[in-house]
Amino acid sequence: MTPKREGTGIRSLAYSKFRRGLQDPNTPTSERLYMTDIDDLEWRKDRGIVAFIETKHGKAGINTWQARVLRELSELTRRPSYLVAYQTDDPDEENIVSFEVTNLASNIAVSMTRAEYRSFLRLL
């Protein structure tokens, strides 16, 4: 299996492939084994968890059930959840030029520059 390159190095996708492969497509919806990963859990030394963030490149959204999971985490922890769609301007998709941040509780989306997104993260 080809590892996935990340900013912190290279991570194996073996577990994800194994876990997602456990799902039988013929299983009734009520008995399915749902699994999602959270792209970003923002944490601060003095306050602990401050937000959950799901990231997507481009205008991609998330499944209804994934949004539900994030909303449940928000309700349980009293911390916000966001969908952050980002745009790049290079073929390698490494230079992020803009963000669209959607609060999953209110479904309000705000467009942000890199500087604005940096400030948003600092204010969480």
Protein backbone atom coordinates (compact mmCIF):
# COMPACT_ATOMS: atom_id res chain seq x y z
CA MET A 1 0.00 0.00 0.00
CA THR A 2 1.26 3.44 -0.90
CA PRO A 3 1.73 5.63 2.16
CA LYS A 4 0.16 9.09 2.22
CA ARG A 5 2.51 12.06 2.38
CA GLU A 6 1.75 14.61 5.10
CA GLY A 7 3.37 17.66 6.64
CA THR A 8 4.51 15.62 9.62
CA GLY A 9 5.97 12.86 7.47
CA ILE A 10 4.40 9.84 5.85
CA ARG A 11 1.56 7.86 7.36
CA SER A 12 0.33 4.43 6.47
CA LEU A 13 -3.22 4.03 5.25
CA ALA A 14 -3.23 0.32 6.18
CA TYR A 15 -5.62 0.63 9.13
CA SER A 16 -8.02 2.87 7.24
CA LYS A 17 -8.11 0.46 4.29
CA PHE A 18 -8.59 -2.52 6.65
CA ARG A 19 -11.32 -0.81 8.68
CA ARG A 20 -13.24 0.48 5.69
CA GLY A 21 -12.96 -2.96 4.11
CA LEU A 22 -14.92 -4.55 6.97
CA GLN A 23 -18.14 -3.05 5.64
CA ASP A 24 -20.28 -5.48 3.65
CA PRO A 25 -22.17 -3.42 1.04
CA ASN A 26 -25.23 -5.66 1.53
CA THR A 27 -25.53 -4.86 5.24
CA PRO A 28 -28.75 -3.02 6.13
CA THR A 29 -28.15 0.66 6.92
CA SER A 30 -29.14 0.22 10.58
CA GLU A 31 -26.41 -2.42 11.07
CA ARG A 32 -23.55 -0.77 9.19
CA LEU A 33 -20.23 -0.08 10.87
CA TYR A 34 -19.73 3.62 10.29
CA MET A 35 -16.24 5.08 10.66
CA THR A 36 -14.83 8.52 10.12
CA ASP A 37 -11.60 10.24 10.96
CA ILE A 38 -11.42 13.78 12.23
CA ASP A 39 -8.93 15.81 10.25
CA ASP A 40 -8.17 18.35 12.92
CA LEU A 41 -8.78 18.46 16.64
CA GLU A 42 -7.69 21.89 17.85
CA TRP A 43 -6.25 21.75 21.37
CA ARG A 44 -4.84 24.43 23.66
CA LYS A 45 -2.63 23.78 26.67
CA ASP A 46 -4.73 25.94 28.99
CA ARG A 47 -8.22 24.91 27.73
CA GLY A 48 -7.93 21.47 26.17
CA ILE A 49 -10.04 20.74 23.09
CA VAL A 50 -11.34 23.95 21.51
CA ALA A 51 -12.76 22.71 18.17
CA PHE A 52 -13.21 19.84 15.73
CA ILE A 53 -12.41 20.53 12.08
CA GLU A 54 -13.10 18.46 8.97
CA THR A 55 -11.07 19.67 5.98
CA LYS A 56 -11.78 19.28 2.28
CA HIS A 57 -9.94 20.45 -0.81
CA GLY A 58 -12.09 22.49 -3.16
CA LYS A 59 -15.84 22.67 -2.76
CA ALA A 60 -16.25 19.10 -1.52
CA GLY A 61 -18.72 18.65 1.30
CA ILE A 62 -19.18 15.93 3.89
CA ASN A 63 -21.75 13.20 4.22
CA THR A 64 -24.83 13.92 6.32
CA TRP A 65 -23.84 11.28 8.85
CA GLN A 66 -20.31 12.73 9.16
CA ALA A 67 -21.79 16.15 9.92
CA ARG A 68 -24.05 14.47 12.47
CA VAL A 69 -21.05 12.84 14.18
CA LEU A 70 -19.26 16.18 14.41
CA ARG A 71 -22.41 17.87 15.76
CA GLU A 72 -22.74 15.13 18.39
CA LEU A 73 -19.12 15.66 19.44
CA SER A 74 -19.83 19.38 19.70
CA GLU A 75 -22.87 18.81 21.87
CA LEU A 76 -21.04 16.38 24.15
CA THR A 77 -17.98 18.58 24.57
CA ARG A 78 -19.60 22.00 24.16
CA ARG A 79 -16.97 22.77 21.53
CA PRO A 80 -17.65 23.90 17.95
CA SER A 81 -17.23 21.83 14.80
CA TYR A 82 -16.34 23.27 11.43
CA LEU A 83 -16.06 22.18 7.83
CA VAL A 84 -13.11 23.93 6.24
CA ALA A 85 -12.93 23.83 2.44
CA TYR A 86 -9.66 25.19 1.08
CA GLN A 87 -8.48 26.26 -2.36
CA THR A 88 -4.97 25.88 -3.76
CA ASP A 89 -3.30 27.57 -6.71
CA ASP A 90 -0.65 25.02 -7.68
CA PRO A 91 -0.66 21.58 -9.32
CA ASP A 92 0.77 19.93 -6.20
CA GLU A 93 -2.12 21.35 -4.15
CA GLU A 94 0.24 22.57 -1.45
CA ASN A 95 -0.18 26.36 -1.59
CA ILE A 96 -3.48 27.17 0.09
CA VAL A 97 -4.83 30.54 -1.01
CA SER A 98 -8.29 30.69 0.58
CA PHE A 99 -10.63 28.99 3.02
CA GLU A 100 -14.39 28.65 3.39
CA VAL A 101 -15.20 27.93 7.03
CA THR A 102 -18.65 26.55 7.83
CA ASN A 103 -19.86 26.33 11.41
CA LEU A 104 -21.72 23.00 11.44
CA ALA A 105 -24.12 24.11 14.19
CA SER A 106 -25.42 27.12 12.26
CA ASN A 107 -24.42 26.16 8.69
CA ILE A 108 -23.06 29.69 8.27
CA ALA A 109 -20.05 29.83 5.94
CA VAL A 110 -17.40 32.54 5.93
CA SER A 111 -14.69 33.01 3.29
CA MET A 112 -11.23 33.70 4.70
CA THR A 113 -7.76 34.52 3.49
CA ARG A 114 -4.73 32.71 4.93
CA ALA A 115 -4.21 35.53 7.44
CA GLU A 116 -7.88 35.54 8.46
CA TYR A 117 -7.87 31.75 8.91
CA ARG A 118 -4.73 31.97 11.04
CA SER A 119 -6.49 34.56 13.24
CA PHE A 120 -9.62 32.40 13.39
CA LEU A 121 -7.55 29.44 14.69
CA ARG A 122 -5.81 31.61 17.27
CA LEU A 123 -9.15 32.88 18.57
CA LEU A 124 -10.69 29.42 19.07
